[in-house]
Amino acid sequence: MAPIVGLLGGLLERGEKRGVFRRGIDPNELYIAIAALGYFYLSNSATLSAVLGRELRAPTRLDEHWRASAEMIQRFVRAAA
């Protein structure tokens, strides 16, 4: 197991016990999702910028993407209210 997956697994376990994170999240899949959110955006930013008509590597756009990505992951792991 990769060290980062082990860290995520421990974090998920502690969050489940506290009732903060929902049960049954696979740390491998969570890691892949986090990596995908960053990799796809950056590796395709030139093409996406042309298609969408906005410069995705501009500091404000990058900040928007990282904030949106963090919110997506938080909503994915959060336990139901």
N, C-alpha and C. Protein backbone atom coordinates (compact mmCIF):
# COMPACT_ATOMS: atom_id res chain seq x y z
N MET A 1 0.85 -1.18 0.00
CA MET A 1 0.00 0.00 0.00
C MET A 1 0.89 1.24 0.00
N ALA A 2 0.53 2.19 -0.83
CA ALA A 2 1.27 3.45 -0.89
C ALA A 2 1.07 4.21 0.41
N PRO A 3 2.11 4.88 0.90
CA PRO A 3 1.99 5.62 2.16
C PRO A 3 0.83 6.61 2.19
N ILE A 4 0.58 7.30 1.10
CA ILE A 4 -0.51 8.28 1.08
C ILE A 4 -1.86 7.60 1.24
N VAL A 5 -2.01 6.42 0.67
CA VAL A 5 -3.27 5.67 0.81
C VAL A 5 -3.44 5.22 2.26
N GLY A 6 -2.34 4.83 2.89
CA GLY A 6 -2.41 4.47 4.31
C GLY A 6 -2.81 5.65 5.18
N LEU A 7 -2.27 6.82 4.86
CA LEU A 7 -2.65 8.03 5.61
C LEU A 7 -4.13 8.35 5.42
N LEU A 8 -4.59 8.26 4.18
CA LEU A 8 -6.01 8.53 3.91
C LEU A 8 -6.90 7.50 4.62
N GLY A 9 -6.47 6.24 4.63
CA GLY A 9 -7.23 5.20 5.30
C GLY A 9 -7.37 5.49 6.79
N GLY A 10 -6.28 5.91 7.42
CA GLY A 10 -6.34 6.26 8.83
C GLY A 10 -7.23 7.46 9.08
N LEU A 11 -7.13 8.45 8.24
CA LEU A 11 -7.96 9.64 8.36
C LEU A 11 -9.45 9.29 8.21
N LEU A 12 -9.75 8.46 7.22
CA LEU A 12 -11.13 8.04 7.01
C LEU A 12 -11.66 7.25 8.21
N GLU A 13 -10.84 6.38 8.74
CA GLU A 13 -11.24 5.58 9.89
C GLU A 13 -11.54 6.46 11.11
N ARG A 14 -10.66 7.40 11.37
CA ARG A 14 -10.89 8.32 12.51
C ARG A 14 -12.15 9.17 12.28
N GLY A 15 -12.34 9.62 11.05
CA GLY A 15 -13.52 10.42 10.74
C GLY A 15 -14.81 9.63 10.85
N GLU A 16 -14.77 8.35 10.45
CA GLU A 16 -15.94 7.48 10.60
C GLU A 16 -16.30 7.32 12.08
N LYS A 17 -15.30 7.05 12.90
CA LYS A 17 -15.53 6.85 14.34
C LYS A 17 -16.13 8.09 14.99
N ARG A 18 -15.75 9.25 14.53
CA ARG A 18 -16.28 10.50 15.08
C ARG A 18 -17.63 10.88 14.46
N GLY A 19 -18.03 10.16 13.42
CA GLY A 19 -19.29 10.47 12.77
C GLY A 19 -19.21 11.62 11.79
N VAL A 20 -17.99 12.02 11.45
CA VAL A 20 -17.78 13.13 10.53
C VAL A 20 -17.79 12.65 9.08
N PHE A 21 -17.22 11.48 8.83
CA PHE A 21 -17.16 10.91 7.48
C PHE A 21 -18.12 9.74 7.38
N ARG A 22 -18.67 9.55 6.20
CA ARG A 22 -19.56 8.41 5.98
C ARG A 22 -18.74 7.12 5.93
N ARG A 23 -19.40 6.04 6.15
CA ARG A 23 -18.74 4.73 6.15
C ARG A 23 -18.54 4.20 4.73
N GLY A 24 -17.53 3.33 4.60
CA GLY A 24 -17.36 2.57 3.38
C GLY A 24 -16.59 3.23 2.26
N ILE A 25 -15.88 4.30 2.55
CA ILE A 25 -15.09 4.96 1.50
C ILE A 25 -13.78 4.20 1.34
N ASP A 26 -13.48 3.81 0.14
CA ASP A 26 -12.23 3.11 -0.16
C ASP A 26 -11.12 4.16 -0.29
N PRO A 27 -10.08 4.09 0.54
CA PRO A 27 -9.02 5.10 0.47
C PRO A 27 -8.30 5.12 -0.88
N ASN A 28 -8.23 3.98 -1.56
CA ASN A 28 -7.62 3.95 -2.89
C ASN A 28 -8.44 4.78 -3.88
N GLU A 29 -9.76 4.60 -3.84
CA GLU A 29 -10.64 5.35 -4.74
C GLU A 29 -10.65 6.84 -4.40
N LEU A 30 -10.59 7.16 -3.12
CA LEU A 30 -10.52 8.56 -2.73
C LEU A 30 -9.24 9.20 -3.25
N TYR A 31 -8.13 8.50 -3.12
CA TYR A 31 -6.86 9.01 -3.63
C TYR A 31 -6.92 9.25 -5.14
N ILE A 32 -7.50 8.28 -5.86
CA ILE A 32 -7.61 8.42 -7.31
C ILE A 32 -8.46 9.64 -7.66
N ALA A 33 -9.56 9.84 -6.94
CA ALA A 33 -10.44 10.98 -7.21
C ALA A 33 -9.72 12.30 -6.97
N ILE A 34 -8.99 12.39 -5.86
CA ILE A 34 -8.24 13.62 -5.56
C ILE A 34 -7.19 13.88 -6.63
N ALA A 35 -6.45 12.84 -6.99
CA ALA A 35 -5.41 13.00 -8.02
C ALA A 35 -6.03 13.39 -9.36
N ALA A 36 -7.16 12.79 -9.70
CA ALA A 36 -7.80 13.07 -10.98
C ALA A 36 -8.26 14.52 -11.08
N LEU A 37 -8.78 15.05 -9.99
CA LEU A 37 -9.24 16.44 -10.01
C LEU A 37 -8.10 17.41 -10.35
N GLY A 38 -6.93 17.13 -9.85
CA GLY A 38 -5.79 17.99 -10.14
C GLY A 38 -5.16 17.70 -11.49
N TYR A 39 -4.95 16.41 -11.77
CA TYR A 39 -4.23 16.04 -12.98
C TYR A 39 -4.98 16.43 -14.24
N PHE A 40 -6.26 16.09 -14.31
CA PHE A 40 -7.03 16.37 -15.52
C PHE A 40 -7.04 17.87 -15.82
N TYR A 41 -7.30 18.65 -14.79
CA TYR A 41 -7.37 20.11 -14.97
C TYR A 41 -6.05 20.66 -15.50
N LEU A 42 -4.95 20.28 -14.86
CA LEU A 42 -3.65 20.83 -15.26
C LEU A 42 -3.16 20.28 -16.60
N SER A 43 -3.32 18.97 -16.80
CA SER A 43 -2.78 18.38 -18.03
C SER A 43 -3.58 18.77 -19.27
N ASN A 44 -4.81 19.17 -19.09
CA ASN A 44 -5.66 19.56 -20.22
C ASN A 44 -5.98 21.05 -20.24
N SER A 45 -5.27 21.83 -19.45
CA SER A 45 -5.61 23.24 -19.31
C SER A 45 -5.49 24.03 -20.61
N ALA A 46 -4.54 23.71 -21.45
CA ALA A 46 -4.40 24.45 -22.71
C ALA A 46 -5.61 24.21 -23.61
N THR A 47 -5.96 22.95 -23.80
CA THR A 47 -7.11 22.61 -24.63
C THR A 47 -8.41 23.14 -24.03
N LEU A 48 -8.59 22.91 -22.73
CA LEU A 48 -9.81 23.38 -22.07
C LEU A 48 -9.92 24.90 -22.10
N SER A 49 -8.79 25.58 -21.97
CA SER A 49 -8.81 27.04 -22.04
C SER A 49 -9.31 27.51 -23.40
N ALA A 50 -8.85 26.84 -24.46
CA ALA A 50 -9.28 27.21 -25.82
C ALA A 50 -10.76 26.89 -26.03
N VAL A 51 -11.18 25.74 -25.58
CA VAL A 51 -12.58 25.33 -25.77
C VAL A 51 -13.53 26.20 -24.95
N LEU A 52 -13.15 26.48 -23.72
CA LEU A 52 -14.03 27.23 -22.82
C LEU A 52 -13.88 28.74 -22.93
N GLY A 53 -12.82 29.19 -23.63
CA GLY A 53 -12.61 30.62 -23.81
C GLY A 53 -12.21 31.35 -22.54
N ARG A 54 -11.49 30.66 -21.67
CA ARG A 54 -10.99 31.29 -20.44
C ARG A 54 -9.66 30.66 -20.06
N GLU A 55 -8.78 31.47 -19.54
CA GLU A 55 -7.43 31.00 -19.19
C GLU A 55 -7.47 30.26 -17.86
N LEU A 56 -7.42 28.93 -17.93
CA LEU A 56 -7.56 28.12 -16.72
C LEU A 56 -6.34 28.15 -15.81
N ARG A 57 -5.21 28.57 -16.33
CA ARG A 57 -4.02 28.64 -15.47
C ARG A 57 -3.83 30.01 -14.82
N ALA A 58 -4.75 30.91 -15.05
CA ALA A 58 -4.68 32.21 -14.37
C ALA A 58 -4.84 31.96 -12.86
N PRO A 59 -4.12 32.71 -12.04
CA PRO A 59 -4.17 32.47 -10.59
C PRO A 59 -5.58 32.41 -10.01
N THR A 60 -6.46 33.28 -10.45
CA THR A 60 -7.82 33.26 -9.90
C THR A 60 -8.58 32.00 -10.32
N ARG A 61 -8.37 31.55 -11.56
CA ARG A 61 -9.02 30.33 -12.04
C ARG A 61 -8.49 29.09 -11.30
N LEU A 62 -7.18 29.05 -11.09
CA LEU A 62 -6.60 27.94 -10.34
C LEU A 62 -7.17 27.90 -8.93
N ASP A 63 -7.25 29.05 -8.30
CA ASP A 63 -7.80 29.11 -6.95
C ASP A 63 -9.25 28.64 -6.93
N GLU A 64 -10.04 29.06 -7.92
CA GLU A 64 -11.43 28.60 -8.02
C GLU A 64 -11.50 27.09 -8.17
N HIS A 65 -10.61 26.54 -9.00
CA HIS A 65 -10.62 25.09 -9.21
C HIS A 65 -10.26 24.35 -7.93
N TRP A 66 -9.22 24.79 -7.24
CA TRP A 66 -8.80 24.09 -6.01
C TRP A 66 -9.89 24.16 -4.94
N ARG A 67 -10.56 25.31 -4.85
CA ARG A 67 -11.66 25.44 -3.88
C ARG A 67 -12.83 24.53 -4.25
N ALA A 68 -13.18 24.50 -5.52
CA ALA A 68 -14.28 23.64 -5.97
C ALA A 68 -13.93 22.16 -5.76
N SER A 69 -12.69 21.81 -6.05
CA SER A 69 -12.24 20.42 -5.87
C SER A 69 -12.31 20.02 -4.40
N ALA A 70 -11.85 20.90 -3.53
CA ALA A 70 -11.90 20.62 -2.09
C ALA A 70 -13.35 20.44 -1.63
N GLU A 71 -14.25 21.27 -2.13
CA GLU A 71 -15.65 21.14 -1.76
C GLU A 71 -16.24 19.82 -2.26
N MET A 72 -15.88 19.41 -3.48
CA MET A 72 -16.37 18.13 -4.01
C MET A 72 -15.93 16.97 -3.12
N ILE A 73 -14.66 16.96 -2.75
CA ILE A 73 -14.14 15.88 -1.92
C ILE A 73 -14.79 15.91 -0.54
N GLN A 74 -14.93 17.10 0.03
CA GLN A 74 -15.57 17.21 1.35
C GLN A 74 -17.00 16.69 1.31
N ARG A 75 -17.74 17.03 0.26
CA ARG A 75 -19.12 16.55 0.14
C ARG A 75 -19.16 15.05 -0.06
N PHE A 76 -18.18 14.49 -0.73
CA PHE A 76 -18.12 13.06 -0.96
C PHE A 76 -17.89 12.29 0.34
N VAL A 77 -17.03 12.78 1.20
CA VAL A 77 -16.69 12.04 2.42
C VAL A 77 -17.59 12.35 3.60
N ARG A 78 -18.27 13.48 3.57
CA ARG A 78 -19.07 13.93 4.73
C ARG A 78 -20.21 12.97 5.04
N ALA A 79 -20.39 12.71 6.33
CA ALA A 79 -21.51 11.90 6.78
C ALA A 79 -22.81 12.66 6.59
N ALA A 80 -23.89 11.94 6.38
CA ALA A 80 -25.20 12.58 6.22
C ALA A 80 -25.58 13.27 7.51
N ALA A 81 -26.22 14.41 7.36
CA ALA A 81 -26.63 15.19 8.55
C ALA A 81 -27.79 14.54 9.26
